[in-house]
Amino acid sequence: MTDNDRIARSFKALAHPRRAAIFQLLATHPRHAADYQFIEMQTGLRPSSLVHHLREMERCGLLRRRRTGPTMTYMLTPGDMLRCTNTARALATQGRPAAA
């Protein structure tokens, strides 16, 4: 997979308002992780919709899940997203004078 593919995949996943809300929720939560019940309660999404969005974010590499007993915890995996935003920032500022 090329860098362009990773950039497109990450930004496409976050282009949906519900996935952006889940991403923001996890980004502001301690350890950038939360269990399924907490995410469901905070977002108010129906279980089928929440599972769909969590799976899409996992497929795109934005988060991963871990089961501990009956609890499923979702955590951000910022690697690809960080690389994408750094690349986007570099592309946006190419040929422009540095900000003062």
Protein backbone atom coordinates (compact mmCIF):
# COMPACT_ATOMS: atom_id res chain seq x y z
CA MET A 1 0.00 0.00 0.00
CA THR A 2 1.37 3.40 -0.95
CA ASP A 3 1.43 6.53 1.18
CA ASN A 4 -1.29 7.97 -1.05
CA ASP A 5 -3.47 4.93 -0.35
CA ARG A 6 -2.94 5.29 3.41
CA ILE A 7 -3.76 8.99 3.33
CA ALA A 8 -6.94 8.42 1.33
CA ARG A 9 -8.02 5.49 3.50
CA SER A 10 -7.57 7.36 6.79
CA PHE A 11 -9.22 10.57 5.68
CA LYS A 12 -12.06 8.69 4.01
CA ALA A 13 -12.78 6.84 7.25
CA LEU A 14 -12.84 10.09 9.21
CA ALA A 15 -14.99 11.87 6.61
CA HIS A 16 -18.09 10.31 8.16
CA PRO A 17 -19.39 12.42 11.07
CA ARG A 18 -20.07 9.43 13.33
CA ARG A 19 -16.57 8.01 12.84
CA ALA A 20 -15.10 11.47 13.40
CA ALA A 21 -17.05 11.66 16.67
CA ILE A 22 -15.78 8.23 17.76
CA PHE A 23 -12.22 9.24 16.84
CA GLN A 24 -12.53 12.47 18.83
CA LEU A 25 -14.05 10.62 21.80
CA LEU A 26 -11.15 8.16 21.90
CA ALA A 27 -8.56 10.88 21.29
CA THR A 28 -9.74 12.81 24.35
CA HIS A 29 -10.22 9.76 26.58
CA PRO A 30 -7.39 8.62 28.90
CA ARG A 31 -4.99 6.20 27.16
CA HIS A 32 -6.88 6.96 23.91
CA ALA A 33 -9.00 3.89 24.59
CA ALA A 34 -12.47 3.04 25.86
CA ASP A 35 -14.67 -0.01 26.18
CA TYR A 36 -17.60 -0.68 23.88
CA GLN A 37 -20.26 0.20 26.45
CA PHE A 38 -18.69 3.59 27.15
CA ILE A 39 -18.49 4.41 23.43
CA GLU A 40 -22.09 3.30 22.92
CA MET A 41 -23.31 5.39 25.85
CA GLN A 42 -21.37 8.50 24.79
CA THR A 43 -22.31 8.37 21.10
CA GLY A 44 -25.91 7.21 21.47
CA LEU A 45 -25.51 5.04 18.37
CA ARG A 46 -27.51 1.84 17.95
CA PRO A 47 -25.34 -1.26 18.42
CA SER A 48 -25.48 -2.28 14.74
CA SER A 49 -24.44 1.19 13.61
CA LEU A 50 -21.68 1.47 16.21
CA VAL A 51 -20.24 -1.93 15.33
CA HIS A 52 -20.25 -0.98 11.64
CA HIS A 53 -18.32 2.25 12.29
CA LEU A 54 -15.85 0.63 14.69
CA ARG A 55 -15.13 -2.15 12.18
CA GLU A 56 -14.62 0.37 9.38
CA MET A 57 -12.19 2.35 11.52
CA GLU A 58 -10.37 -0.84 12.46
CA ARG A 59 -10.20 -1.92 8.81
CA CYS A 60 -8.67 1.44 7.91
CA GLY A 61 -6.05 1.13 10.65
CA LEU A 62 -7.34 3.96 12.84
CA LEU A 63 -8.03 1.76 15.85
CA ARG A 64 -7.61 -1.74 17.18
CA ARG A 65 -9.62 -3.77 19.64
CA ARG A 66 -8.69 -5.99 22.53
CA ARG A 67 -10.91 -8.40 24.41
CA THR A 68 -10.37 -8.87 28.13
CA GLY A 69 -12.94 -11.35 29.40
CA PRO A 70 -16.36 -10.08 28.34
CA THR A 71 -15.09 -6.51 27.76
CA MET A 72 -14.09 -5.25 24.31
CA THR A 73 -11.78 -2.23 24.42
CA TYR A 74 -11.07 -0.04 21.39
CA MET A 75 -7.91 2.06 21.18
CA LEU A 76 -6.56 4.48 18.64
CA THR A 77 -3.57 3.44 16.58
CA PRO A 78 -2.25 6.83 15.57
CA GLY A 79 0.64 5.64 13.42
CA ASP A 80 -0.98 5.84 9.97
CA MET A 81 -3.06 8.87 10.87
CA LEU A 82 -0.05 10.74 12.23
CA ARG A 83 1.95 9.96 9.09
CA CYS A 84 -1.00 11.09 6.95
CA THR A 85 -1.44 14.40 8.74
CA ASN A 86 2.30 15.07 8.65
CA THR A 87 2.33 14.36 4.90
CA ALA A 88 -0.76 16.54 4.36
CA ARG A 89 0.84 19.36 6.36
CA ALA A 90 4.05 19.09 4.38
CA LEU A 91 2.15 19.12 1.08
CA ALA A 92 0.06 22.10 2.17
CA THR A 93 3.11 24.16 3.09
CA GLN A 94 5.39 23.22 0.17
CA GLY A 95 6.76 26.31 -1.46
CA ARG A 96 5.24 28.62 1.13
CA PRO A 97 7.27 30.79 3.48
CA ALA A 98 7.49 29.53 7.04
CA ALA A 99 5.00 31.07 9.45
CA ALA A 100 6.46 33.72 11.74
